[in-house]
Amino acid sequence: MSQTPTTIEPWLREILRCPQCKGELTDSTGAASADTPSGASEGSDPTTDPVTAPATAPVTELQCPTCRLGYPIEAGVPVLLVDLARRLG
């Protein structure tokens, strides 16, 4: 399945939590893609930085800062499975 940028309904976004630690998830508009070589430096991109990303940017991943896991969003549905999450740097 490919990852397509999408928006999550605000009511749903408020109740989503990390399945591992039950912590709050943060929105990410830029996830590492499969065609990015590992070890490649991406630099500072204002469109992928959650702090400076435009408010209208679609969410591509939900991240747990505590567990350091990124959960993909596929076809508009957050996939909150620890086994399918990617490790964050």
PDB file of N, CA and C in Angstrom:
ATOM      1  N   MET A   1       0.844  -1.182   0.000  1.00  0.00           N
ATOM      2  CA  MET A   1       0.000   0.000   0.000  1.00  0.00           C
ATOM      3  C   MET A   1       0.881   1.234   0.000  1.00  0.00           C
ATOM      4  N   SER A   2       0.476   2.220  -0.726  1.00  0.00           N
ATOM      5  CA  SER A   2       1.266   3.449  -0.756  1.00  0.00           C
ATOM      6  C   SER A   2       0.748   4.424   0.285  1.00  0.00           C
ATOM      7  N   GLN A   3       1.640   5.306   0.667  1.00  0.00           N
ATOM      8  CA  GLN A   3       1.283   6.299   1.671  1.00  0.00           C
ATOM      9  C   GLN A   3       0.825   7.555   0.964  1.00  0.00           C
ATOM     10  N   THR A   4      -0.418   7.958   1.191  1.00  0.00           N
ATOM     11  CA  THR A   4      -0.939   9.163   0.580  1.00  0.00           C
ATOM     12  C   THR A   4      -1.230  10.189   1.658  1.00  0.00           C
ATOM     13  N   PRO A   5      -0.775  11.429   1.450  1.00  0.00           N
ATOM     14  CA  PRO A   5      -1.067  12.466   2.431  1.00  0.00           C
ATOM     15  C   PRO A   5      -2.569  12.647   2.578  1.00  0.00           C
ATOM     16  N   THR A   6      -3.013  12.862   3.790  1.00  0.00           N
ATOM     17  CA  THR A   6      -4.440  13.016   4.041  1.00  0.00           C
ATOM     18  C   THR A   6      -4.638  13.835   5.304  1.00  0.00           C
ATOM     19  N   THR A   7      -5.868  14.146   5.589  1.00  0.00           N
ATOM     20  CA  THR A   7      -6.189  14.826   6.837  1.00  0.00           C
ATOM     21  C   THR A   7      -6.983  13.874   7.713  1.00  0.00           C
ATOM     22  N   ILE A   8      -6.887  14.067   9.008  1.00  0.00           N
ATOM     23  CA  ILE A   8      -7.619  13.246   9.961  1.00  0.00           C
ATOM     24  C   ILE A   8      -8.663  14.134  10.615  1.00  0.00           C
ATOM     25  N   GLU A   9      -9.862  13.603  10.751  1.00  0.00           N
ATOM     26  CA  GLU A   9     -10.931  14.366  11.387  1.00  0.00           C
ATOM     27  C   GLU A   9     -10.488  14.824  12.775  1.00  0.00           C
ATOM     28  N   PRO A  10     -10.747  16.086  13.147  1.00  0.00           N
ATOM     29  CA  PRO A  10     -10.309  16.593  14.448  1.00  0.00           C
ATOM     30  C   PRO A  10     -10.819  15.784  15.642  1.00  0.00           C
ATOM     31  N   TRP A  11     -12.056  15.309  15.596  1.00  0.00           N
ATOM     32  CA  TRP A  11     -12.593  14.531  16.713  1.00  0.00           C
ATOM     33  C   TRP A  11     -11.833  13.219  16.882  1.00  0.00           C
ATOM     34  N   LEU A  12     -11.409  12.616  15.758  1.00  0.00           N
ATOM     35  CA  LEU A  12     -10.650  11.374  15.818  1.00  0.00           C
ATOM     36  C   LEU A  12      -9.221  11.644  16.269  1.00  0.00           C
ATOM     37  N   ARG A  13      -8.654  12.725  15.786  1.00  0.00           N
ATOM     38  CA  ARG A  13      -7.277  13.081  16.123  1.00  0.00           C
ATOM     39  C   ARG A  13      -7.107  13.272  17.631  1.00  0.00           C
ATOM     40  N   GLU A  14      -8.122  13.818  18.277  1.00  0.00           N
ATOM     41  CA  GLU A  14      -8.055  14.076  19.723  1.00  0.00           C
ATOM     42  C   GLU A  14      -7.992  12.812  20.566  1.00  0.00           C
ATOM     43  N   ILE A  15      -8.549  11.705  20.077  1.00  0.00           N
ATOM     44  CA  ILE A  15      -8.598  10.494  20.896  1.00  0.00           C
ATOM     45  C   ILE A  15      -7.512   9.473  20.549  1.00  0.00           C
ATOM     46  N   LEU A  16      -6.781   9.672  19.461  1.00  0.00           N
ATOM     47  CA  LEU A  16      -5.740   8.715  19.077  1.00  0.00           C
ATOM     48  C   LEU A  16      -4.565   8.778  20.043  1.00  0.00           C
ATOM     49  N   ARG A  17      -4.093   7.606  20.469  1.00  0.00           N
ATOM     50  CA  ARG A  17      -2.955   7.503  21.384  1.00  0.00           C
ATOM     51  C   ARG A  17      -2.033   6.390  20.900  1.00  0.00           C
ATOM     52  N   CYS A  18      -0.808   6.419  21.344  1.00  0.00           N
ATOM     53  CA  CYS A  18       0.173   5.395  21.009  1.00  0.00           C
ATOM     54  C   CYS A  18      -0.285   4.061  21.591  1.00  0.00           C
ATOM     55  N   PRO A  19      -0.333   3.009  20.782  1.00  0.00           N
ATOM     56  CA  PRO A  19      -0.779   1.722  21.304  1.00  0.00           C
ATOM     57  C   PRO A  19       0.225   1.081  22.270  1.00  0.00           C
ATOM     58  N   GLN A  20       1.468   1.521  22.232  1.00  0.00           N
ATOM     59  CA  GLN A  20       2.475   0.931  23.110  1.00  0.00           C
ATOM     60  C   GLN A  20       2.503   1.578  24.492  1.00  0.00           C
ATOM     61  N   CYS A  21       2.580   2.926  24.531  1.00  0.00           N
ATOM     62  CA  CYS A  21       2.719   3.609  25.829  1.00  0.00           C
ATOM     63  C   CYS A  21       1.491   4.421  26.212  1.00  0.00           C
ATOM     64  N   LYS A  22       0.515   4.498  25.326  1.00  0.00           N
ATOM     65  CA  LYS A  22      -0.718   5.272  25.528  1.00  0.00           C
ATOM     66  C   LYS A  22      -0.460   6.773  25.575  1.00  0.00           C
ATOM     67  N   GLY A  23       0.708   7.180  25.073  1.00  0.00           N
ATOM     68  CA  GLY A  23       1.064   8.594  25.044  1.00  0.00           C
ATOM     69  C   GLY A  23       0.430   9.321  23.876  1.00  0.00           C
ATOM     70  N   GLU A  24       0.506  10.633  23.914  1.00  0.00           N
ATOM     71  CA  GLU A  24      -0.058  11.470  22.868  1.00  0.00           C
ATOM     72  C   GLU A  24       0.800  11.393  21.613  1.00  0.00           C
ATOM     73  N   LEU A  25       0.150  11.353  20.456  1.00  0.00           N
ATOM     74  CA  LEU A  25       0.846  11.285  19.176  1.00  0.00           C
ATOM     75  C   LEU A  25       0.933  12.669  18.561  1.00  0.00           C
ATOM     76  N   THR A  26       2.008  12.921  17.840  1.00  0.00           N
ATOM     77  CA  THR A  26       2.166  14.195  17.148  1.00  0.00           C
ATOM     78  C   THR A  26       2.037  13.971  15.650  1.00  0.00           C
ATOM     79  N   ASP A  27       1.567  14.987  14.947  1.00  0.00           N
ATOM     80  CA  ASP A  27       1.418  14.917  13.498  1.00  0.00           C
ATOM     81  C   ASP A  27       2.769  15.125  12.838  1.00  0.00           C
ATOM     82  N   SER A  28       2.985  14.410  11.756  1.00  0.00           N
ATOM     83  CA  SER A  28       4.185  14.601  10.960  1.00  0.00           C
ATOM     84  C   SER A  28       3.771  14.689   9.505  1.00  0.00           C
ATOM     85  N   THR A  29       4.269  15.700   8.818  1.00  0.00           N
ATOM     86  CA  THR A  29       3.937  15.861   7.408  1.00  0.00           C
ATOM     87  C   THR A  29       5.033  15.341   6.507  1.00  0.00           C
ATOM     88  N   GLY A  30       6.101  14.814   7.072  1.00  0.00           N
ATOM     89  CA  GLY A  30       7.184  14.264   6.268  1.00  0.00           C
ATOM     90  C   GLY A  30       7.773  13.039   6.914  1.00  0.00           C
ATOM     91  N   ALA A  31       7.500  11.887   6.327  1.00  0.00           N
ATOM     92  CA  ALA A  31       8.080  10.644   6.832  1.00  0.00           C
ATOM     93  C   ALA A  31       9.153  10.187   5.867  1.00  0.00           C
ATOM     94  N   ALA A  32      10.087   9.415   6.354  1.00  0.00           N
ATOM     95  CA  ALA A  32      11.126   8.863   5.488  1.00  0.00           C
ATOM     96  C   ALA A  32      10.465   7.914   4.503  1.00  0.00           C
ATOM     97  N   SER A  33      10.725   8.114   3.240  1.00  0.00           N
ATOM     98  CA  SER A  33      10.100   7.267   2.240  1.00  0.00           C
ATOM     99  C   SER A  33      10.998   6.084   1.932  1.00  0.00           C
ATOM    100  N   ALA A  34      10.428   5.078   1.304  1.00  0.00           N
ATOM    101  CA  ALA A  34      11.163   3.857   1.001  1.00  0.00           C
ATOM    102  C   ALA A  34      12.286   4.107   0.003  1.00  0.00           C
ATOM    103  N   ASP A  35      12.142   5.139  -0.848  1.00  0.00           N
ATOM    104  CA  ASP A  35      13.175   5.392  -1.838  1.00  0.00           C
ATOM    105  C   ASP A  35      14.266   6.327  -1.326  1.00  0.00           C
ATOM    106  N   THR A  36      14.239   6.710  -0.052  1.00  0.00           N
ATOM    107  CA  THR A  36      15.310   7.507   0.527  1.00  0.00           C
ATOM    108  C   THR A  36      16.373   6.562   1.046  1.00  0.00           C
ATOM    109  N   PRO A  37      17.619   6.673   0.555  1.00  0.00           N
ATOM    110  CA  PRO A  37      18.656   5.760   1.016  1.00  0.00           C
ATOM    111  C   PRO A  37      18.890   5.921   2.508  1.00  0.00           C
ATOM    112  N   SER A  38      19.109   4.800   3.199  1.00  0.00           N
ATOM    113  CA  SER A  38      19.367   4.894   4.629  1.00  0.00           C
ATOM    114  C   SER A  38      20.710   5.559   4.842  1.00  0.00           C
ATOM    115  N   GLY A  39      20.753   6.382   5.877  1.00  0.00           N
ATOM    116  CA  GLY A  39      21.976   7.109   6.161  1.00  0.00           C
ATOM    117  C   GLY A  39      22.078   8.413   5.390  1.00  0.00           C
ATOM    118  N   ALA A  40      21.131   8.693   4.507  1.00  0.00           N
ATOM    119  CA  ALA A  40      21.174   9.936   3.745  1.00  0.00           C
ATOM    120  C   ALA A  40      20.708  11.080   4.627  1.00  0.00           C
ATOM    121  N   SER A  41      21.390  12.179   4.530  1.00  0.00           N
ATOM    122  CA  SER A  41      21.025  13.349   5.317  1.00  0.00           C
ATOM    123  C   SER A  41      19.991  14.151   4.558  1.00  0.00           C
ATOM    124  N   GLU A  42      18.861  14.421   5.217  1.00  0.00           N
ATOM    125  CA  GLU A  42      17.788  15.153   4.544  1.00  0.00           C
ATOM    126  C   GLU A  42      17.866  16.642   4.774  1.00  0.00           C
ATOM    127  N   GLY A  43      18.591  17.084   5.790  1.00  0.00           N
ATOM    128  CA  GLY A  43      18.703  18.507   6.054  1.00  0.00           C
ATOM    129  C   GLY A  43      17.433  19.059   6.668  1.00  0.00           C
ATOM    130  N   SER A  44      17.377  20.361   6.799  1.00  0.00           N
ATOM    131  CA  SER A  44      16.229  21.017   7.416  1.00  0.00           C
ATOM    132  C   SER A  44      15.275  21.493   6.341  1.00  0.00           C
ATOM    133  N   ASP A  45      14.107  20.900   6.276  1.00  0.00           N
ATOM    134  CA  ASP A  45      13.099  21.270   5.292  1.00  0.00           C
ATOM    135  C   ASP A  45      11.887  21.797   6.037  1.00  0.00           C
ATOM    136  N   PRO A  46      11.517  23.074   5.821  1.00  0.00           N
ATOM    137  CA  PRO A  46      10.393  23.647   6.564  1.00  0.00           C
ATOM    138  C   PRO A  46       9.062  22.950   6.311  1.00  0.00           C
ATOM    139  N   THR A  47       8.914  22.219   5.219  1.00  0.00           N
ATOM    140  CA  THR A  47       7.640  21.539   4.958  1.00  0.00           C
ATOM    141  C   THR A  47       7.541  20.217   5.696  1.00  0.00           C
ATOM    142  N   THR A  48       8.673  19.646   6.159  1.00  0.00           N
ATOM    143  CA  THR A  48       8.626  18.379   6.877  1.00  0.00           C
ATOM    144  C   THR A  48       8.834  18.553   8.366  1.00  0.00           C
ATOM    145  N   ASP A  49       9.228  19.718   8.804  1.00  0.00           N
ATOM    146  CA  ASP A  49       9.436  19.977  10.229  1.00  0.00           C
ATOM    147  C   ASP A  49       8.080  20.272  10.861  1.00  0.00           C
ATOM    148  N   PRO A  50       7.635  19.448  11.847  1.00  0.00           N
ATOM    149  CA  PRO A  50       6.311  19.646  12.439  1.00  0.00           C
ATOM    150  C   PRO A  50       6.123  21.025  13.059  1.00  0.00           C
ATOM    151  N   VAL A  51       7.209  21.676  13.471  1.00  0.00           N
ATOM    152  CA  VAL A  51       7.100  22.990  14.097  1.00  0.00           C
ATOM    153  C   VAL A  51       6.854  24.072  13.050  1.00  0.00           C
ATOM    154  N   THR A  52       7.536  23.988  11.894  1.00  0.00           N
ATOM    155  CA  THR A  52       7.427  25.035  10.886  1.00  0.00           C
ATOM    156  C   THR A  52       6.569  24.642   9.687  1.00  0.00           C
ATOM    157  N   ALA A  53       6.016  23.435   9.685  1.00  0.00           N
ATOM    158  CA  ALA A  53       5.194  22.998   8.557  1.00  0.00           C
ATOM    159  C   ALA A  53       3.937  23.854   8.462  1.00  0.00           C
ATOM    160  N   PRO A  54       3.481  24.121   7.243  1.00  0.00           N
ATOM    161  CA  PRO A  54       2.250  24.890   7.081  1.00  0.00           C
ATOM    162  C   PRO A  54       1.075  24.184   7.751  1.00  0.00           C
ATOM    163  N   ALA A  55       0.165  24.962   8.309  1.00  0.00           N
ATOM    164  CA  ALA A  55      -0.980  24.406   9.035  1.00  0.00           C
ATOM    165  C   ALA A  55      -1.870  23.560   8.129  1.00  0.00           C
ATOM    166  N   THR A  56      -1.852  23.818   6.826  1.00  0.00           N
ATOM    167  CA  THR A  56      -2.704  23.088   5.903  1.00  0.00           C
ATOM    168  C   THR A  56      -2.032  21.845   5.344  1.00  0.00           C
ATOM    169  N   ALA A  57      -0.801  21.579   5.741  1.00  0.00           N
ATOM    170  CA  ALA A  57      -0.091  20.413   5.222  1.00  0.00           C
ATOM    171  C   ALA A  57      -0.770  19.133   5.702  1.00  0.00           C
ATOM    172  N   PRO A  58      -0.983  18.179   4.794  1.00  0.00           N
ATOM    173  CA  PRO A  58      -1.618  16.931   5.203  1.00  0.00           C
ATOM    174  C   PRO A  58      -0.682  16.082   6.062  1.00  0.00           C
ATOM    175  N   VAL A  59      -1.258  15.344   6.967  1.00  0.00           N
ATOM    176  CA  VAL A  59      -0.491  14.485   7.866  1.00  0.00           C
ATOM    177  C   VAL A  59      -0.182  13.179   7.142  1.00  0.00           C
ATOM    178  N   THR A  60       1.078  12.742   7.167  1.00  0.00           N
ATOM    179  CA  THR A  60       1.463  11.489   6.528  1.00  0.00           C
ATOM    180  C   THR A  60       1.835  10.417   7.539  1.00  0.00           C
ATOM    181  N   GLU A  61       2.007  10.835   8.800  1.00  0.00           N
ATOM    182  CA  GLU A  61       2.430   9.895   9.824  1.00  0.00           C
ATOM    183  C   GLU A  61       2.083  10.467  11.192  1.00  0.00           C
ATOM    184  N   LEU A  62       1.800   9.593  12.145  1.00  0.00           N
ATOM    185  CA  LEU A  62       1.622   9.994  13.537  1.00  0.00           C
ATOM    186  C   LEU A  62       2.829   9.465  14.296  1.00  0.00           C
ATOM    187  N   GLN A  63       3.442  10.324  15.110  1.00  0.00           N
ATOM    188  CA  GLN A  63       4.661   9.935  15.801  1.00  0.00           C
ATOM    189  C   GLN A  63       4.482   9.988  17.310  1.00  0.00           C
ATOM    190  N   CYS A  64       5.112   9.021  17.990  1.00  0.00           N
ATOM    191  CA  CYS A  64       5.135   8.995  19.443  1.00  0.00           C
ATOM    192  C   CYS A  64       6.532   9.410  19.884  1.00  0.00           C
ATOM    193  N   PRO A  65       6.668  10.591  20.493  1.00  0.00           N
ATOM    194  CA  PRO A  65       7.994  11.039  20.912  1.00  0.00           C
ATOM    195  C   PRO A  65       8.568  10.202  22.062  1.00  0.00           C
ATOM    196  N   THR A  66       7.722   9.575  22.855  1.00  0.00           N
ATOM    197  CA  THR A  66       8.186   8.761  23.979  1.00  0.00           C
ATOM    198  C   THR A  66       8.788   7.441  23.493  1.00  0.00           C
ATOM    199  N   CYS A  67       8.046   6.723  22.658  1.00  0.00           N
ATOM    200  CA  CYS A  67       8.497   5.420  22.152  1.00  0.00           C
ATOM    201  C   CYS A  67       9.428   5.552  20.953  1.00  0.00           C
ATOM    202  N   ARG A  68       9.454   6.741  20.349  1.00  0.00           N
ATOM    203  CA  ARG A  68      10.233   6.995  19.136  1.00  0.00           C
ATOM    204  C   ARG A  68       9.777   6.083  18.000  1.00  0.00           C
ATOM    205  N   LEU A  69       8.438   6.025  17.811  1.00  0.00           N
ATOM    206  CA  LEU A  69       7.842   5.241  16.738  1.00  0.00           C
ATOM    207  C   LEU A  69       7.003   6.140  15.844  1.00  0.00           C
ATOM    208  N   GLY A  70       6.983   5.845  14.553  1.00  0.00           N
ATOM    209  CA  GLY A  70       6.159   6.562  13.592  1.00  0.00           C
ATOM    210  C   GLY A  70       5.133   5.616  13.001  1.00  0.00           C
ATOM    211  N   TYR A  71       3.870   5.969  13.134  1.00  0.00           N
ATOM    212  CA  TYR A  71       2.781   5.133  12.638  1.00  0.00           C
ATOM    213  C   TYR A  71       2.273   5.703  11.311  1.00  0.00           C
ATOM    214  N   PRO A  72       2.247   4.896  10.250  1.00  0.00           N
ATOM    215  CA  PRO A  72       1.827   5.398   8.938  1.00  0.00           C
ATOM    216  C   PRO A  72       0.330   5.645   8.862  1.00  0.00           C
ATOM    217  N   ILE A  73      -0.038   6.448   7.897  1.00  0.00           N
ATOM    218  CA  ILE A  73      -1.455   6.666   7.582  1.00  0.00           C
ATOM    219  C   ILE A  73      -1.643   6.174   6.155  1.00  0.00           C
ATOM    220  N   GLU A  74      -2.470   5.158   5.989  1.00  0.00           N
ATOM    221  CA  GLU A  74      -2.701   4.570   4.674  1.00  0.00           C
ATOM    222  C   GLU A  74      -4.162   4.729   4.285  1.00  0.00           C
ATOM    223  N   ALA A  75      -4.387   5.325   3.139  1.00  0.00           N
ATOM    224  CA  ALA A  75      -5.739   5.562   2.622  1.00  0.00           C
ATOM    225  C   ALA A  75      -6.593   6.314   3.634  1.00  0.00           C
ATOM    226  N   GLY A  76      -5.978   7.240   4.372  1.00  0.00           N
ATOM    227  CA  GLY A  76      -6.708   8.061   5.329  1.00  0.00           C
ATOM    228  C   GLY A  76      -6.932   7.409   6.677  1.00  0.00           C
ATOM    229  N   VAL A  77      -6.400   6.200   6.876  1.00  0.00           N
ATOM    230  CA  VAL A  77      -6.607   5.469   8.122  1.00  0.00           C
ATOM    231  C   VAL A  77      -5.275   5.312   8.859  1.00  0.00           C
ATOM    232  N   PRO A  78      -5.178   5.805  10.092  1.00  0.00           N
ATOM    233  CA  PRO A  78      -3.948   5.607  10.863  1.00  0.00           C
ATOM    234  C   PRO A  78      -3.757   4.120  11.183  1.00  0.00           C
ATOM    235  N   VAL A  79      -2.577   3.598  10.885  1.00  0.00           N
ATOM    236  CA  VAL A  79      -2.262   2.195  11.159  1.00  0.00           C
ATOM    237  C   VAL A  79      -1.490   2.164  12.478  1.00  0.00           C
ATOM    238  N   LEU A  80      -2.216   1.967  13.571  1.00  0.00           N
ATOM    239  CA  LEU A  80      -1.624   2.027  14.903  1.00  0.00           C
ATOM    240  C   LEU A  80      -1.250   0.626  15.389  1.00  0.00           C
ATOM    241  N   LEU A  81      -0.361  -0.004  14.646  1.00  0.00           N
ATOM    242  CA  LEU A  81       0.153  -1.317  15.005  1.00  0.00           C
ATOM    243  C   LEU A  81       1.647  -1.190  15.272  1.00  0.00           C
ATOM    244  N   VAL A  82       2.084  -1.578  16.452  1.00  0.00           N
ATOM    245  CA  VAL A  82       3.491  -1.454  16.825  1.00  0.00           C
ATOM    246  C   VAL A  82       4.377  -2.214  15.852  1.00  0.00           C
ATOM    247  N   ASP A  83       3.916  -3.372  15.380  1.00  0.00           N
ATOM    248  CA  ASP A  83       4.716  -4.174  14.455  1.00  0.00           C
ATOM    249  C   ASP A  83       4.939  -3.497  13.101  1.00  0.00           C
ATOM    250  N   LEU A  84       4.064  -2.583  12.718  1.00  0.00           N
ATOM    251  CA  LEU A  84       4.197  -1.897  11.428  1.00  0.00           C
ATOM    252  C   LEU A  84       4.775  -0.490  11.566  1.00  0.00           C
ATOM    253  N   ALA A  85       5.030  -0.058  12.793  1.00  0.00           N
ATOM    254  CA  ALA A  85       5.582   1.279  13.019  1.00  0.00           C
ATOM    255  C   ALA A  85       7.063   1.290  12.652  1.00  0.00           C
ATOM    256  N   ARG A  86       7.552   2.464  12.269  1.00  0.00           N
ATOM    257  CA  ARG A  86       8.977   2.594  11.958  1.00  0.00           C
ATOM    258  C   ARG A  86       9.675   3.285  13.126  1.00  0.00           C
ATOM    259  N   ARG A  87      10.901   2.906  13.357  1.00  0.00           N
ATOM    260  CA  ARG A  87      11.712   3.532  14.418  1.00  0.00           C
ATOM    261  C   ARG A  87      12.157   4.906  13.943  1.00  0.00           C
ATOM    262  N   LEU A  88      12.028   5.896  14.820  1.00  0.00           N
ATOM    263  CA  LEU A  88      12.475   7.249  14.512  1.00  0.00           C
ATOM    264  C   LEU A  88      13.916   7.399  14.970  1.00  0.00           C
ATOM    265  N   GLY A  89      14.717   8.042  14.126  1.00  0.00           N
ATOM    266  CA  GLY A  89      16.125   8.299  14.364  1.00  0.00           C
ATOM    267  C   GLY A  89      16.636   8.112  15.661  1.00  0.00           C
TER     268      GLY A  89
END
